Amino acid sequence: MSVSFRVLETRAFGELYPALDAFEQNWISKIIAQLKTNPFAGKPLGFEWFREKKLGGKRLYYLIYQKVGIVLLVAFGGKKEQQKIISHILQNLKEYDELVAKVQ
C-alpha cells in the first residue's frame, strides 16, 4: 500500500500561484499529484528533504516532512533567483517547521 502525502503551500506560494500563467499552473497541479505518492521525485538540493522540480528555466521548490506525511510547496522562480530563493528557504526553516506542526 502506498502512503499518500498531503501537499500544502506557504502563504507566499499561495499568493504567487494565481499570478502564474495557465501552463505553469497546470504543470504545478500535475507535480502536486505526483508528490502525493512520490515526494522524493525531484532533485535534492543539498538535503534529502529539500527538493526542486524544473519547468524550463523555472523551478518549484518544496520541503518534505516524511514523519508527518506532508510536502510543503515554498517557492517557484527562475534560475536567476535560484540562490536567493534557496538561501531564503534555508533561513526560514523554523517558520516552515512551525507551519507544518500547526496543520498536522
PDB file of N, CA and C in Angstrom:
ATOM      1  N   MET A   1       0.843  -1.187   0.000  1.00  0.00           N
ATOM      2  CA  MET A   1       0.000   0.000   0.000  1.00  0.00           C
ATOM      3  C   MET A   1       0.893   1.257   0.000  1.00  0.00           C
ATOM      4  N   SER A   2       0.617   2.167  -0.896  1.00  0.00           N
ATOM      5  CA  SER A   2       1.440   3.378  -0.943  1.00  0.00           C
ATOM      6  C   SER A   2       0.889   4.431   0.007  1.00  0.00           C
ATOM      7  N   VAL A   3       1.788   5.118   0.644  1.00  0.00           N
ATOM      8  CA  VAL A   3       1.414   6.175   1.577  1.00  0.00           C
ATOM      9  C   VAL A   3       1.160   7.445   0.777  1.00  0.00           C
ATOM     10  N   SER A   4       0.062   8.106   1.109  1.00  0.00           N
ATOM     11  CA  SER A   4      -0.248   9.345   0.411  1.00  0.00           C
ATOM     12  C   SER A   4       0.170  10.538   1.268  1.00  0.00           C
ATOM     13  N   PHE A   5       0.946  11.417   0.693  1.00  0.00           N
ATOM     14  CA  PHE A   5       1.376  12.636   1.374  1.00  0.00           C
ATOM     15  C   PHE A   5       0.364  13.741   1.121  1.00  0.00           C
ATOM     16  N   ARG A   6       0.223  14.628   2.089  1.00  0.00           N
ATOM     17  CA  ARG A   6      -0.577  15.833   1.875  1.00  0.00           C
ATOM     18  C   ARG A   6       0.345  16.899   1.317  1.00  0.00           C
ATOM     19  N   VAL A   7      -0.118  17.641   0.339  1.00  0.00           N
ATOM     20  CA  VAL A   7       0.682  18.719  -0.241  1.00  0.00           C
ATOM     21  C   VAL A   7       0.073  20.045   0.194  1.00  0.00           C
ATOM     22  N   LEU A   8       0.871  20.821   0.938  1.00  0.00           N
ATOM     23  CA  LEU A   8       0.438  22.121   1.439  1.00  0.00           C
ATOM     24  C   LEU A   8       1.308  23.194   0.811  1.00  0.00           C
ATOM     25  N   GLU A   9       0.913  24.443   1.002  1.00  0.00           N
ATOM     26  CA  GLU A   9       1.722  25.536   0.461  1.00  0.00           C
ATOM     27  C   GLU A   9       1.845  26.649   1.491  1.00  0.00           C
ATOM     28  N   THR A  10       2.930  27.392   1.385  1.00  0.00           N
ATOM     29  CA  THR A  10       3.106  28.550   2.252  1.00  0.00           C
ATOM     30  C   THR A  10       2.194  29.667   1.747  1.00  0.00           C
ATOM     31  N   ARG A  11       1.965  30.660   2.571  1.00  0.00           N
ATOM     32  CA  ARG A  11       1.150  31.805   2.161  1.00  0.00           C
ATOM     33  C   ARG A  11       1.778  32.487   0.947  1.00  0.00           C
ATOM     34  N   ALA A  12       3.104  32.655   0.984  1.00  0.00           N
ATOM     35  CA  ALA A  12       3.804  33.309  -0.125  1.00  0.00           C
ATOM     36  C   ALA A  12       3.597  32.545  -1.439  1.00  0.00           C
ATOM     37  N   PHE A  13       3.656  31.220  -1.371  1.00  0.00           N
ATOM     38  CA  PHE A  13       3.439  30.424  -2.576  1.00  0.00           C
ATOM     39  C   PHE A  13       1.993  30.562  -3.046  1.00  0.00           C
ATOM     40  N   GLY A  14       1.072  30.563  -2.100  1.00  0.00           N
ATOM     41  CA  GLY A  14      -0.346  30.715  -2.428  1.00  0.00           C
ATOM     42  C   GLY A  14      -0.654  32.045  -3.101  1.00  0.00           C
ATOM     43  N   GLU A  15       0.087  33.079  -2.720  1.00  0.00           N
ATOM     44  CA  GLU A  15      -0.103  34.398  -3.326  1.00  0.00           C
ATOM     45  C   GLU A  15       0.535  34.469  -4.714  1.00  0.00           C
ATOM     46  N   LEU A  16       1.606  33.729  -4.914  1.00  0.00           N
ATOM     47  CA  LEU A  16       2.306  33.709  -6.189  1.00  0.00           C
ATOM     48  C   LEU A  16       1.548  32.914  -7.256  1.00  0.00           C
ATOM     49  N   TYR A  17       0.939  31.820  -6.852  1.00  0.00           N
ATOM     50  CA  TYR A  17       0.313  30.869  -7.775  1.00  0.00           C
ATOM     51  C   TYR A  17      -0.686  31.510  -8.745  1.00  0.00           C
ATOM     52  N   PRO A  18      -1.634  32.341  -8.275  1.00  0.00           N
ATOM     53  CA  PRO A  18      -2.603  32.918  -9.221  1.00  0.00           C
ATOM     54  C   PRO A  18      -1.968  33.816 -10.292  1.00  0.00           C
ATOM     55  N   ALA A  19      -0.780  34.332 -10.024  1.00  0.00           N
ATOM     56  CA  ALA A  19      -0.096  35.210 -10.986  1.00  0.00           C
ATOM     57  C   ALA A  19       0.621  34.420 -12.090  1.00  0.00           C
ATOM     58  N   LEU A  20       0.740  33.121 -11.914  1.00  0.00           N
ATOM     59  CA  LEU A  20       1.419  32.297 -12.914  1.00  0.00           C
ATOM     60  C   LEU A  20       0.507  32.098 -14.120  1.00  0.00           C
ATOM     61  N   ASP A  21       1.100  31.791 -15.268  1.00  0.00           N
ATOM     62  CA  ASP A  21       0.250  31.547 -16.435  1.00  0.00           C
ATOM     63  C   ASP A  21      -0.393  30.160 -16.337  1.00  0.00           C
ATOM     64  N   ALA A  22      -1.373  29.925 -17.186  1.00  0.00           N
ATOM     65  CA  ALA A  22      -2.165  28.689 -17.123  1.00  0.00           C
ATOM     66  C   ALA A  22      -1.298  27.444 -17.305  1.00  0.00           C
ATOM     67  N   PHE A  23      -0.302  27.520 -18.172  1.00  0.00           N
ATOM     68  CA  PHE A  23       0.584  26.378 -18.408  1.00  0.00           C
ATOM     69  C   PHE A  23       1.346  26.027 -17.133  1.00  0.00           C
ATOM     70  N   GLU A  24       1.877  27.054 -16.451  1.00  0.00           N
ATOM     71  CA  GLU A  24       2.621  26.820 -15.207  1.00  0.00           C
ATOM     72  C   GLU A  24       1.707  26.273 -14.114  1.00  0.00           C
ATOM     73  N   GLN A  25       0.504  26.822 -14.009  1.00  0.00           N
ATOM     74  CA  GLN A  25      -0.444  26.332 -13.002  1.00  0.00           C
ATOM     75  C   GLN A  25      -0.800  24.866 -13.263  1.00  0.00           C
ATOM     76  N   ASN A  26      -1.021  24.533 -14.520  1.00  0.00           N
ATOM     77  CA  ASN A  26      -1.359  23.163 -14.887  1.00  0.00           C
ATOM     78  C   ASN A  26      -0.196  22.222 -14.557  1.00  0.00           C
ATOM     79  N   TRP A  27       1.018  22.651 -14.862  1.00  0.00           N
ATOM     80  CA  TRP A  27       2.206  21.844 -14.564  1.00  0.00           C
ATOM     81  C   TRP A  27       2.330  21.623 -13.059  1.00  0.00           C
ATOM     82  N   ILE A  28       2.146  22.682 -12.279  1.00  0.00           N
ATOM     83  CA  ILE A  28       2.234  22.557 -10.816  1.00  0.00           C
ATOM     84  C   ILE A  28       1.156  21.604 -10.295  1.00  0.00           C
ATOM     85  N   SER A  29      -0.045  21.662 -10.857  1.00  0.00           N
ATOM     86  CA  SER A  29      -1.109  20.731 -10.446  1.00  0.00           C
ATOM     87  C   SER A  29      -0.686  19.282 -10.680  1.00  0.00           C
ATOM     88  N   LYS A  30      -0.048  19.032 -11.810  1.00  0.00           N
ATOM     89  CA  LYS A  30       0.428  17.673 -12.110  1.00  0.00           C
ATOM     90  C   LYS A  30       1.528  17.250 -11.137  1.00  0.00           C
ATOM     91  N   ILE A  31       2.421  18.175 -10.813  1.00  0.00           N
ATOM     92  CA  ILE A  31       3.503  17.875  -9.868  1.00  0.00           C
ATOM     93  C   ILE A  31       2.914  17.586  -8.483  1.00  0.00           C
ATOM     94  N   ILE A  32       1.908  18.351  -8.074  1.00  0.00           N
ATOM     95  CA  ILE A  32       1.252  18.111  -6.775  1.00  0.00           C
ATOM     96  C   ILE A  32       0.711  16.689  -6.727  1.00  0.00           C
ATOM     97  N   ALA A  33       0.059  16.257  -7.801  1.00  0.00           N
ATOM     98  CA  ALA A  33      -0.475  14.880  -7.850  1.00  0.00           C
ATOM     99  C   ALA A  33       0.661  13.866  -7.728  1.00  0.00           C
ATOM    100  N   GLN A  34       1.776  14.139  -8.389  1.00  0.00           N
ATOM    101  CA  GLN A  34       2.929  13.235  -8.331  1.00  0.00           C
ATOM    102  C   GLN A  34       3.522  13.192  -6.922  1.00  0.00           C
ATOM    103  N   LEU A  35       3.647  14.360  -6.287  1.00  0.00           N
ATOM    104  CA  LEU A  35       4.270  14.438  -4.962  1.00  0.00           C
ATOM    105  C   LEU A  35       3.449  13.725  -3.890  1.00  0.00           C
ATOM    106  N   LYS A  36       2.152  13.608  -4.095  1.00  0.00           N
ATOM    107  CA  LYS A  36       1.304  12.914  -3.114  1.00  0.00           C
ATOM    108  C   LYS A  36       1.715  11.447  -2.970  1.00  0.00           C
ATOM    109  N   THR A  37       2.183  10.854  -4.057  1.00  0.00           N
ATOM    110  CA  THR A  37       2.591   9.447  -3.988  1.00  0.00           C
ATOM    111  C   THR A  37       4.104   9.260  -4.031  1.00  0.00           C
ATOM    112  N   ASN A  38       4.824  10.267  -4.542  1.00  0.00           N
ATOM    113  CA  ASN A  38       6.274  10.164  -4.639  1.00  0.00           C
ATOM    114  C   ASN A  38       6.915  11.507  -4.298  1.00  0.00           C
ATOM    115  N   PRO A  39       6.983  11.843  -3.012  1.00  0.00           N
ATOM    116  CA  PRO A  39       7.500  13.157  -2.625  1.00  0.00           C
ATOM    117  C   PRO A  39       8.976  13.354  -2.952  1.00  0.00           C
ATOM    118  N   PHE A  40       9.709  12.268  -3.176  1.00  0.00           N
ATOM    119  CA  PHE A  40      11.139  12.373  -3.455  1.00  0.00           C
ATOM    120  C   PHE A  40      11.430  12.403  -4.958  1.00  0.00           C
ATOM    121  N   ALA A  41      10.424  12.770  -5.761  1.00  0.00           N
ATOM    122  CA  ALA A  41      10.544  12.762  -7.224  1.00  0.00           C
ATOM    123  C   ALA A  41      11.555  13.779  -7.747  1.00  0.00           C
ATOM    124  N   GLY A  42      11.686  14.900  -7.085  1.00  0.00           N
ATOM    125  CA  GLY A  42      12.542  15.966  -7.607  1.00  0.00           C
ATOM    126  C   GLY A  42      14.008  15.793  -7.290  1.00  0.00           C
ATOM    127  N   LYS A  43      14.777  16.791  -7.689  1.00  0.00           N
ATOM    128  CA  LYS A  43      16.230  16.798  -7.466  1.00  0.00           C
ATOM    129  C   LYS A  43      16.526  17.335  -6.071  1.00  0.00           C
ATOM    130  N   PRO A  44      17.315  16.604  -5.264  1.00  0.00           N
ATOM    131  CA  PRO A  44      17.653  17.099  -3.920  1.00  0.00           C
ATOM    132  C   PRO A  44      18.551  18.338  -3.992  1.00  0.00           C
ATOM    133  N   LEU A  45      18.325  19.257  -3.078  1.00  0.00           N
ATOM    134  CA  LEU A  45      19.116  20.487  -3.006  1.00  0.00           C
ATOM    135  C   LEU A  45      19.945  20.490  -1.715  1.00  0.00           C
ATOM    136  N   GLY A  46      20.908  19.597  -1.654  1.00  0.00           N
ATOM    137  CA  GLY A  46      21.801  19.533  -0.503  1.00  0.00           C
ATOM    138  C   GLY A  46      21.283  18.697   0.653  1.00  0.00           C
ATOM    139  N   PHE A  47      19.976  18.470   0.688  1.00  0.00           N
ATOM    140  CA  PHE A  47      19.351  17.677   1.750  1.00  0.00           C
ATOM    141  C   PHE A  47      18.321  16.757   1.105  1.00  0.00           C
ATOM    142  N   GLU A  48      18.086  15.612   1.724  1.00  0.00           N
ATOM    143  CA  GLU A  48      17.086  14.666   1.203  1.00  0.00           C
ATOM    144  C   GLU A  48      15.684  15.288   1.222  1.00  0.00           C
ATOM    145  N   TRP A  49      15.426  16.178   2.175  1.00  0.00           N
ATOM    146  CA  TRP A  49      14.085  16.734   2.399  1.00  0.00           C
ATOM    147  C   TRP A  49      13.845  18.080   1.708  1.00  0.00           C
ATOM    148  N   PHE A  50      14.812  18.580   0.964  1.00  0.00           N
ATOM    149  CA  PHE A  50      14.687  19.870   0.273  1.00  0.00           C
ATOM    150  C   PHE A  50      14.940  19.618  -1.210  1.00  0.00           C
ATOM    151  N   ARG A  51      13.910  19.825  -2.046  1.00  0.00           N
ATOM    152  CA  ARG A  51      14.000  19.427  -3.449  1.00  0.00           C
ATOM    153  C   ARG A  51      13.413  20.462  -4.388  1.00  0.00           C
ATOM    154  N   GLU A  52      13.689  20.245  -5.683  1.00  0.00           N
ATOM    155  CA  GLU A  52      13.129  21.101  -6.718  1.00  0.00           C
ATOM    156  C   GLU A  52      12.677  20.248  -7.893  1.00  0.00           C
ATOM    157  N   LYS A  53      11.715  20.776  -8.633  1.00  0.00           N
ATOM    158  CA  LYS A  53      11.296  20.199  -9.914  1.00  0.00           C
ATOM    159  C   LYS A  53      11.437  21.320 -10.929  1.00  0.00           C
ATOM    160  N   LYS A  54      11.980  20.995 -12.101  1.00  0.00           N
ATOM    161  CA  LYS A  54      12.239  22.012 -13.122  1.00  0.00           C
ATOM    162  C   LYS A  54      11.148  22.052 -14.181  1.00  0.00           C
ATOM    163  N   LEU A  55      10.815  23.266 -14.590  1.00  0.00           N
ATOM    164  CA  LEU A  55       9.931  23.506 -15.730  1.00  0.00           C
ATOM    165  C   LEU A  55      10.626  24.558 -16.580  1.00  0.00           C
ATOM    166  N   GLY A  56      11.267  24.126 -17.639  1.00  0.00           N
ATOM    167  CA  GLY A  56      12.036  25.062 -18.464  1.00  0.00           C
ATOM    168  C   GLY A  56      13.084  25.752 -17.611  1.00  0.00           C
ATOM    169  N   GLY A  57      13.045  27.073 -17.585  1.00  0.00           N
ATOM    170  CA  GLY A  57      14.003  27.828 -16.794  1.00  0.00           C
ATOM    171  C   GLY A  57      13.547  28.113 -15.380  1.00  0.00           C
ATOM    172  N   LYS A  58      12.402  27.579 -14.994  1.00  0.00           N
ATOM    173  CA  LYS A  58      11.876  27.833 -13.651  1.00  0.00           C
ATOM    174  C   LYS A  58      11.930  26.584 -12.806  1.00  0.00           C
ATOM    175  N   ARG A  59      11.827  26.799 -11.492  1.00  0.00           N
ATOM    176  CA  ARG A  59      11.892  25.679 -10.563  1.00  0.00           C
ATOM    177  C   ARG A  59      10.835  25.812  -9.471  1.00  0.00           C
ATOM    178  N   LEU A  60      10.284  24.667  -9.095  1.00  0.00           N
ATOM    179  CA  LEU A  60       9.338  24.578  -7.986  1.00  0.00           C
ATOM    180  C   LEU A  60      10.122  24.002  -6.810  1.00  0.00           C
ATOM    181  N   TYR A  61      10.144  24.735  -5.697  1.00  0.00           N
ATOM    182  CA  TYR A  61      10.909  24.313  -4.512  1.00  0.00           C
ATOM    183  C   TYR A  61       9.953  23.793  -3.448  1.00  0.00           C
ATOM    184  N   TYR A  62      10.336  22.687  -2.813  1.00  0.00           N
ATOM    185  CA  TYR A  62       9.478  22.130  -1.778  1.00  0.00           C
ATOM    186  C   TYR A  62      10.285  21.398  -0.709  1.00  0.00           C
ATOM    187  N   LEU A  63       9.646  21.294   0.460  1.00  0.00           N
ATOM    188  CA  LEU A  63      10.240  20.608   1.607  1.00  0.00           C
ATOM    189  C   LEU A  63       9.410  19.363   1.894  1.00  0.00           C
ATOM    190  N   ILE A  64      10.074  18.289   2.290  1.00  0.00           N
ATOM    191  CA  ILE A  64       9.391  17.030   2.599  1.00  0.00           C
ATOM    192  C   ILE A  64       9.479  16.769   4.095  1.00  0.00           C
ATOM    193  N   TYR A  65       8.317  16.614   4.708  1.00  0.00           N
ATOM    194  CA  TYR A  65       8.231  16.256   6.135  1.00  0.00           C
ATOM    195  C   TYR A  65       7.747  14.807   6.191  1.00  0.00           C
ATOM    196  N   GLN A  66       8.697  13.899   6.052  1.00  0.00           N
ATOM    197  CA  GLN A  66       8.367  12.480   5.901  1.00  0.00           C
ATOM    198  C   GLN A  66       7.638  11.903   7.112  1.00  0.00           C
ATOM    199  N   LYS A  67       8.054  12.270   8.314  1.00  0.00           N
ATOM    200  CA  LYS A  67       7.455  11.696   9.527  1.00  0.00           C
ATOM    201  C   LYS A  67       5.974  11.995   9.653  1.00  0.00           C
ATOM    202  N   VAL A  68       5.541  13.154   9.127  1.00  0.00           N
ATOM    203  CA  VAL A  68       4.131  13.537   9.233  1.00  0.00           C
ATOM    204  C   VAL A  68       3.403  13.452   7.893  1.00  0.00           C
ATOM    205  N   GLY A  69       4.117  13.026   6.848  1.00  0.00           N
ATOM    206  CA  GLY A  69       3.487  12.820   5.540  1.00  0.00           C
ATOM    207  C   GLY A  69       3.025  14.101   4.862  1.00  0.00           C
ATOM    208  N   ILE A  70       3.861  15.134   4.933  1.00  0.00           N
ATOM    209  CA  ILE A  70       3.498  16.419   4.330  1.00  0.00           C
ATOM    210  C   ILE A  70       4.612  16.899   3.396  1.00  0.00           C
ATOM    211  N   VAL A  71       4.190  17.416   2.241  1.00  0.00           N
ATOM    212  CA  VAL A  71       5.098  18.109   1.329  1.00  0.00           C
ATOM    213  C   VAL A  71       4.661  19.571   1.347  1.00  0.00           C
ATOM    214  N   LEU A  72       5.591  20.469   1.574  1.00  0.00           N
ATOM    215  CA  LEU A  72       5.282  21.896   1.660  1.00  0.00           C
ATOM    216  C   LEU A  72       5.890  22.621   0.456  1.00  0.00           C
ATOM    217  N   LEU A  73       5.011  23.185  -0.383  1.00  0.00           N
ATOM    218  CA  LEU A  73       5.466  23.970  -1.532  1.00  0.00           C
ATOM    219  C   LEU A  73       5.857  25.352  -1.019  1.00  0.00           C
ATOM    220  N   VAL A  74       7.107  25.760  -1.267  1.00  0.00           N
ATOM    221  CA  VAL A  74       7.574  27.024  -0.701  1.00  0.00           C
ATOM    222  C   VAL A  74       7.883  28.107  -1.717  1.00  0.00           C
ATOM    223  N   ALA A  75       8.263  27.743  -2.945  1.00  0.00           N
ATOM    224  CA  ALA A  75       8.625  28.797  -3.906  1.00  0.00           C
ATOM    225  C   ALA A  75       8.590  28.281  -5.335  1.00  0.00           C
ATOM    226  N   PHE A  76       8.475  29.222  -6.270  1.00  0.00           N
ATOM    227  CA  PHE A  76       8.542  28.930  -7.693  1.00  0.00           C
ATOM    228  C   PHE A  76       9.223  30.121  -8.335  1.00  0.00           C
ATOM    229  N   GLY A  77      10.349  29.897  -8.993  1.00  0.00           N
ATOM    230  CA  GLY A  77      11.058  31.026  -9.580  1.00  0.00           C
ATOM    231  C   GLY A  77      12.072  30.606 -10.619  1.00  0.00           C
ATOM    232  N   GLY A  78      12.639  31.601 -11.260  1.00  0.00           N
ATOM    233  CA  GLY A  78      13.590  31.379 -12.331  1.00  0.00           C
ATOM    234  C   GLY A  78      14.982  31.032 -11.847  1.00  0.00           C
ATOM    235  N   LYS A  79      15.795  30.597 -12.772  1.00  0.00           N
ATOM    236  CA  LYS A  79      17.180  30.207 -12.491  1.00  0.00           C
ATOM    237  C   LYS A  79      17.969  31.370 -11.887  1.00  0.00           C
ATOM    238  N   LYS A  80      17.704  32.596 -12.361  1.00  0.00           N
ATOM    239  CA  LYS A  80      18.435  33.767 -11.848  1.00  0.00           C
ATOM    240  C   LYS A  80      18.229  33.953 -10.346  1.00  0.00           C
ATOM    241  N   GLU A  81      17.024  33.644  -9.869  1.00  0.00           N
ATOM    242  CA  GLU A  81      16.711  33.842  -8.448  1.00  0.00           C
ATOM    243  C   GLU A  81      17.011  32.610  -7.611  1.00  0.00           C
ATOM    244  N   GLN A  82      17.519  31.551  -8.229  1.00  0.00           N
ATOM    245  CA  GLN A  82      17.671  30.263  -7.544  1.00  0.00           C
ATOM    246  C   GLN A  82      18.426  30.368  -6.226  1.00  0.00           C
ATOM    247  N   GLN A  83      19.607  30.984  -6.221  1.00  0.00           N
ATOM    248  CA  GLN A  83      20.393  31.033  -4.991  1.00  0.00           C
ATOM    249  C   GLN A  83      19.708  31.857  -3.918  1.00  0.00           C
ATOM    250  N   LYS A  84      19.073  32.961  -4.333  1.00  0.00           N
ATOM    251  CA  LYS A  84      18.349  33.816  -3.397  1.00  0.00           C
ATOM    252  C   LYS A  84      17.169  33.050  -2.767  1.00  0.00           C
ATOM    253  N   ILE A  85      16.449  32.308  -3.588  1.00  0.00           N
ATOM    254  CA  ILE A  85      15.310  31.526  -3.101  1.00  0.00           C
ATOM    255  C   ILE A  85      15.778  30.436  -2.137  1.00  0.00           C
ATOM    256  N   ILE A  86      16.814  29.704  -2.532  1.00  0.00           N
ATOM    257  CA  ILE A  86      17.331  28.620  -1.681  1.00  0.00           C
ATOM    258  C   ILE A  86      17.800  29.178  -0.338  1.00  0.00           C
ATOM    259  N   SER A  87      18.540  30.273  -0.360  1.00  0.00           N
ATOM    260  CA  SER A  87      19.017  30.892   0.887  1.00  0.00           C
ATOM    261  C   SER A  87      17.853  31.317   1.767  1.00  0.00           C
ATOM    262  N   HIS A  88      16.832  31.932   1.147  1.00  0.00           N
ATOM    263  CA  HIS A  88      15.657  32.377   1.898  1.00  0.00           C
ATOM    264  C   HIS A  88      14.961  31.182   2.566  1.00  0.00           C
ATOM    265  N   ILE A  89      14.796  30.097   1.828  1.00  0.00           N
ATOM    266  CA  ILE A  89      14.130  28.910   2.375  1.00  0.00           C
ATOM    267  C   ILE A  89      14.927  28.357   3.559  1.00  0.00           C
ATOM    268  N   LEU A  90      16.240  28.222   3.394  1.00  0.00           N
ATOM    269  CA  LEU A  90      17.064  27.669   4.473  1.00  0.00           C
ATOM    270  C   LEU A  90      17.079  28.579   5.697  1.00  0.00           C
ATOM    271  N   GLN A  91      17.008  29.897   5.503  1.00  0.00           N
ATOM    272  CA  GLN A  91      16.982  30.839   6.626  1.00  0.00           C
ATOM    273  C   GLN A  91      15.639  30.815   7.355  1.00  0.00           C
ATOM    274  N   ASN A  92      14.588  30.349   6.678  1.00  0.00           N
ATOM    275  CA  ASN A  92      13.246  30.373   7.266  1.00  0.00           C
ATOM    276  C   ASN A  92      12.706  28.987   7.601  1.00  0.00           C
ATOM    277  N   LEU A  93      13.584  28.009   7.728  1.00  0.00           N
ATOM    278  CA  LEU A  93      13.142  26.637   8.001  1.00  0.00           C
ATOM    279  C   LEU A  93      12.291  26.539   9.260  1.00  0.00           C
ATOM    280  N   LYS A  94      12.680  27.270  10.299  1.00  0.00           N
ATOM    281  CA  LYS A  94      11.940  27.205  11.564  1.00  0.00           C
ATOM    282  C   LYS A  94      10.478  27.618  11.353  1.00  0.00           C
ATOM    283  N   GLU A  95      10.281  28.666  10.573  1.00  0.00           N
ATOM    284  CA  GLU A  95       8.925  29.140  10.253  1.00  0.00           C
ATOM    285  C   GLU A  95       8.127  28.053   9.515  1.00  0.00           C
ATOM    286  N   TYR A  96       8.767  27.382   8.558  1.00  0.00           N
ATOM    287  CA  TYR A  96       8.090  26.312   7.808  1.00  0.00           C
ATOM    288  C   TYR A  96       7.787  25.127   8.717  1.00  0.00           C
ATOM    289  N   ASP A  97       8.735  24.788   9.607  1.00  0.00           N
ATOM    290  CA  ASP A  97       8.512  23.699  10.558  1.00  0.00           C
ATOM    291  C   ASP A  97       7.303  23.995  11.440  1.00  0.00           C
ATOM    292  N   GLU A  98       7.190  25.247  11.902  1.00  0.00           N
ATOM    293  CA  GLU A  98       6.062  25.655  12.748  1.00  0.00           C
ATOM    294  C   GLU A  98       4.751  25.584  11.991  1.00  0.00           C
ATOM    295  N   LEU A  99       4.760  26.003  10.736  1.00  0.00           N
ATOM    296  CA  LEU A  99       3.569  25.947   9.903  1.00  0.00           C
ATOM    297  C   LEU A  99       3.081  24.505   9.765  1.00  0.00           C
ATOM    298  N   VAL A 100       3.996  23.594   9.489  1.00  0.00           N
ATOM    299  CA  VAL A 100       3.650  22.177   9.331  1.00  0.00           C
ATOM    300  C   VAL A 100       3.168  21.605  10.658  1.00  0.00           C
ATOM    301  N   ALA A 101       3.792  21.991  11.756  1.00  0.00           N
ATOM    302  CA  ALA A 101       3.388  21.491  13.078  1.00  0.00           C
ATOM    303  C   ALA A 101       1.939  21.892  13.396  1.00  0.00           C
ATOM    304  N   LYS A 102       1.541  23.077  12.963  1.00  0.00           N
ATOM    305  CA  LYS A 102       0.175  23.555  13.222  1.00  0.00           C
ATOM    306  C   LYS A 102      -0.897  22.772  12.470  1.00  0.00           C
ATOM    307  N   VAL A 103      -0.565  22.247  11.295  1.00  0.00           N
ATOM    308  CA  VAL A 103      -1.581  21.606  10.465  1.00  0.00           C
ATOM    309  C   VAL A 103      -1.635  20.082  10.572  1.00  0.00           C
ATOM    310  N   GLN A 104      -0.724  19.493  11.319  1.00  0.00           N
ATOM    311  CA  GLN A 104      -0.696  18.027  11.429  1.00  0.00           C
ATOM    312  C   GLN A 104      -2.010  17.471  11.902  1.00  0.00           C
TER     313      GLN A 104
END
